[in-house]
Amino acid sequence: MKRLKISAARMVPNRRDATSHSSPLSGSLSLSRETVGEQGNQVGHITTARSLVDLFCQRMANSADTEALWRPRDGQWQTVRWSEYGRDIAQLASALVRSGIGRGDRVAHLSENRYEWIVTDLAILSVGAIHVPIHATLSASQVGYQVQHSGAKLVIASSPAQLQKLAAVAREFAGQIGR
């Protein structure tokens, strides 16, 4: 026998005012499941989540002031707390909503592995959009092909070098983005 109970909030876009700078964290639910033995005693606690965003929000709620990860800043490794990490995701998610990105939209993302990649991934997922990651090592023509065939409504580039790849093939997919 299993019992379900609400344990944490889920990250969803604040659709009441898409132009506001408020956090996209709002009440929805994720589930926590207690496993109960035949005699009715609790034999374990398993946290479940419906999505990666749910899982992230559970962790953020339980560990807001603890270290989430380390990232290079100004030539040194510095900690990022779960609350900072969540704030960065919420800010980008709000910007995506203000840009017209919503549930089911595809967002292409041309980036190297970096802190901003994981922030972008969770921000895209938190607004219900589909993340279309594109490897930063691809040539301009390969990037152009993937963008053109992905159905992306928006493309995010991590650096001027990645933006140059997009500019080099922009004519090939002009008018294709957002269809």
Foldseek 3Di string as FASTA:
>chain_A
DKDKDFDFAFFEADPPDLPDQDFSTDHDTFIKMFDADPVRHTDDTDGDGPDPRRVLRNCCVVFVPDFDDWFDDPNDIDTDGSVNLSSLLRRVLSVCVNVVDAAAAEEEEQEDDHSVVVSVVSSCVNRNYHYHYDYNPDALVVVLVCQLPVQHQYYHYDDPVSVVSCVVCVVVRPVRHRD
